[in-house]
Amino acid sequence: MKKTYKTSWSPDQQKRLVQVLIFFTVLVLLAIILAPGKGLLFLRNQKVQIASLHAEKQNLLQKNIALREEIKRMKTDVIFLEEVARGQHGLLKKDEIVFDFTPKEKKKK
């Protein structure tokens, strides 16, 4: 028959064991939180980036809708097309003359 010996830990050994266990627990938690590419901070940053991209996507969709409406209006509304041609591109009607009465800057001496 084998004899088993019961070893008891001294209070100092127990205290040291608890300290080592706490240290490794904290180390594992830090590894989980700060792991590059896998940690909680990385996941949080990814969620923020996803939210930002989603907002940008919504903004681009709204602009796309507005541009499609403007294209449709340019194809169907002659008056709007003329306004755009005159305002944004400076085009004139045939035999139309523009007189510019804005004062020119004086030459510096």
Protein backbone atom coordinates (compact mmCIF):
# COMPACT_ATOMS: atom_id res chain seq x y z
CA MET A 1 0.00 0.00 0.00
CA LYS A 2 1.21 3.44 -0.87
CA LYS A 3 1.37 6.09 1.70
CA THR A 4 0.20 9.54 0.70
CA TYR A 5 1.47 12.49 2.53
CA LYS A 6 -0.72 15.45 3.07
CA THR A 7 1.27 18.60 2.68
CA SER A 8 -0.02 21.73 4.20
CA TRP A 9 0.95 25.11 3.00
CA SER A 10 2.33 27.67 5.33
CA PRO A 11 0.57 31.05 5.45
CA ASP A 12 3.49 32.63 3.58
CA GLN A 13 3.27 30.01 0.85
CA GLN A 14 -0.49 30.46 0.59
CA LYS A 15 -0.08 34.23 0.33
CA ARG A 16 2.58 33.82 -2.37
CA LEU A 17 0.36 31.37 -4.30
CA VAL A 18 -2.54 33.83 -4.22
CA GLN A 19 -0.25 36.61 -5.47
CA VAL A 20 1.01 34.46 -8.36
CA LEU A 21 -2.55 33.45 -9.30
CA ILE A 22 -3.70 37.07 -9.24
CA PHE A 23 -0.71 38.10 -11.37
CA PHE A 24 -1.43 35.45 -14.02
CA THR A 25 -5.14 36.28 -13.99
CA VAL A 26 -4.37 39.96 -14.60
CA LEU A 27 -1.88 38.99 -17.30
CA VAL A 28 -4.48 36.85 -19.09
CA LEU A 29 -7.11 39.61 -18.84
CA LEU A 30 -4.67 42.16 -20.29
CA ALA A 31 -3.86 39.76 -23.11
CA ILE A 32 -7.58 39.42 -23.87
CA ILE A 33 -8.12 43.18 -23.81
CA LEU A 34 -4.99 44.32 -25.63
CA ALA A 35 -4.31 41.46 -28.05
CA PRO A 36 -3.41 43.00 -31.42
CA GLY A 37 -5.98 42.11 -34.04
CA LYS A 38 -8.15 40.11 -31.64
CA GLY A 39 -8.53 42.02 -28.39
CA LEU A 40 -11.50 43.93 -27.07
CA LEU A 41 -9.95 47.29 -27.99
CA PHE A 42 -9.50 46.11 -31.57
CA LEU A 43 -13.12 44.96 -31.69
CA ARG A 44 -14.33 48.26 -30.26
CA ASN A 45 -12.33 50.18 -32.87
CA GLN A 46 -13.76 47.96 -35.59
CA LYS A 47 -17.31 48.69 -34.39
CA VAL A 48 -16.60 52.43 -34.45
CA GLN A 49 -15.18 52.14 -37.96
CA ILE A 50 -18.21 50.14 -39.11
CA ALA A 51 -20.55 52.78 -37.71
CA SER A 52 -18.56 55.51 -39.46
CA LEU A 53 -18.65 53.65 -42.76
CA HIS A 54 -22.37 53.06 -42.38
CA ALA A 55 -22.97 56.79 -41.85
CA GLU A 56 -20.78 57.61 -44.86
CA LYS A 57 -22.72 55.05 -46.93
CA GLN A 58 -26.04 56.66 -45.96
CA ASN A 59 -24.66 60.09 -46.87
CA LEU A 60 -23.48 58.83 -50.27
CA LEU A 61 -26.85 57.18 -50.90
CA GLN A 62 -28.62 60.48 -50.22
CA LYS A 63 -26.25 62.32 -52.57
CA ASN A 64 -26.80 59.63 -55.19
CA ILE A 65 -30.57 60.08 -54.95
CA ALA A 66 -30.21 63.87 -55.28
CA LEU A 67 -27.93 63.50 -58.31
CA ARG A 68 -30.34 61.06 -59.98
CA GLU A 69 -33.18 63.55 -59.45
CA GLU A 70 -31.04 66.34 -60.91
CA ILE A 71 -30.20 64.20 -63.96
CA LYS A 72 -33.86 63.35 -64.44
CA ARG A 73 -34.78 67.02 -64.14
CA MET A 74 -32.08 68.03 -66.65
CA LYS A 75 -33.44 65.51 -69.13
CA THR A 76 -37.04 66.68 -68.79
CA ASP A 77 -37.00 70.34 -67.68
CA VAL A 78 -35.61 72.73 -70.31
CA ILE A 79 -35.82 75.77 -68.04
CA PHE A 80 -33.79 74.04 -65.33
CA LEU A 81 -31.23 72.95 -67.93
CA GLU A 82 -30.88 76.55 -69.09
CA GLU A 83 -30.42 77.77 -65.51
CA VAL A 84 -27.66 75.21 -64.96
CA ALA A 85 -25.98 76.08 -68.27
CA ARG A 86 -26.02 79.79 -67.48
CA GLY A 87 -25.23 79.63 -63.77
CA GLN A 88 -22.64 76.87 -63.53
CA HIS A 89 -21.09 76.95 -66.98
CA GLY A 90 -21.48 80.59 -68.02
CA LEU A 91 -23.14 79.75 -71.34
CA LEU A 92 -25.10 82.31 -73.34
CA LYS A 93 -27.91 82.15 -75.84
CA LYS A 94 -27.13 82.74 -79.48
CA ASP A 95 -26.57 86.45 -80.25
CA GLU A 96 -26.54 87.29 -76.53
CA ILE A 97 -23.93 89.72 -75.19
CA VAL A 98 -22.78 90.07 -71.58
CA PHE A 99 -21.79 93.46 -70.23
CA ASP A 100 -19.58 93.33 -67.16
CA PHE A 101 -19.83 96.47 -65.03
CA THR A 102 -17.81 95.29 -62.05
CA PRO A 103 -15.00 97.71 -61.16
CA LYS A 104 -11.51 96.51 -61.97
CA GLU A 105 -8.82 96.66 -59.31
CA LYS A 106 -6.61 99.75 -59.48
CA LYS A 107 -2.99 99.16 -60.23
CA LYS A 108 -0.68 99.45 -57.27
CA LYS A 109 2.09 102.04 -57.56
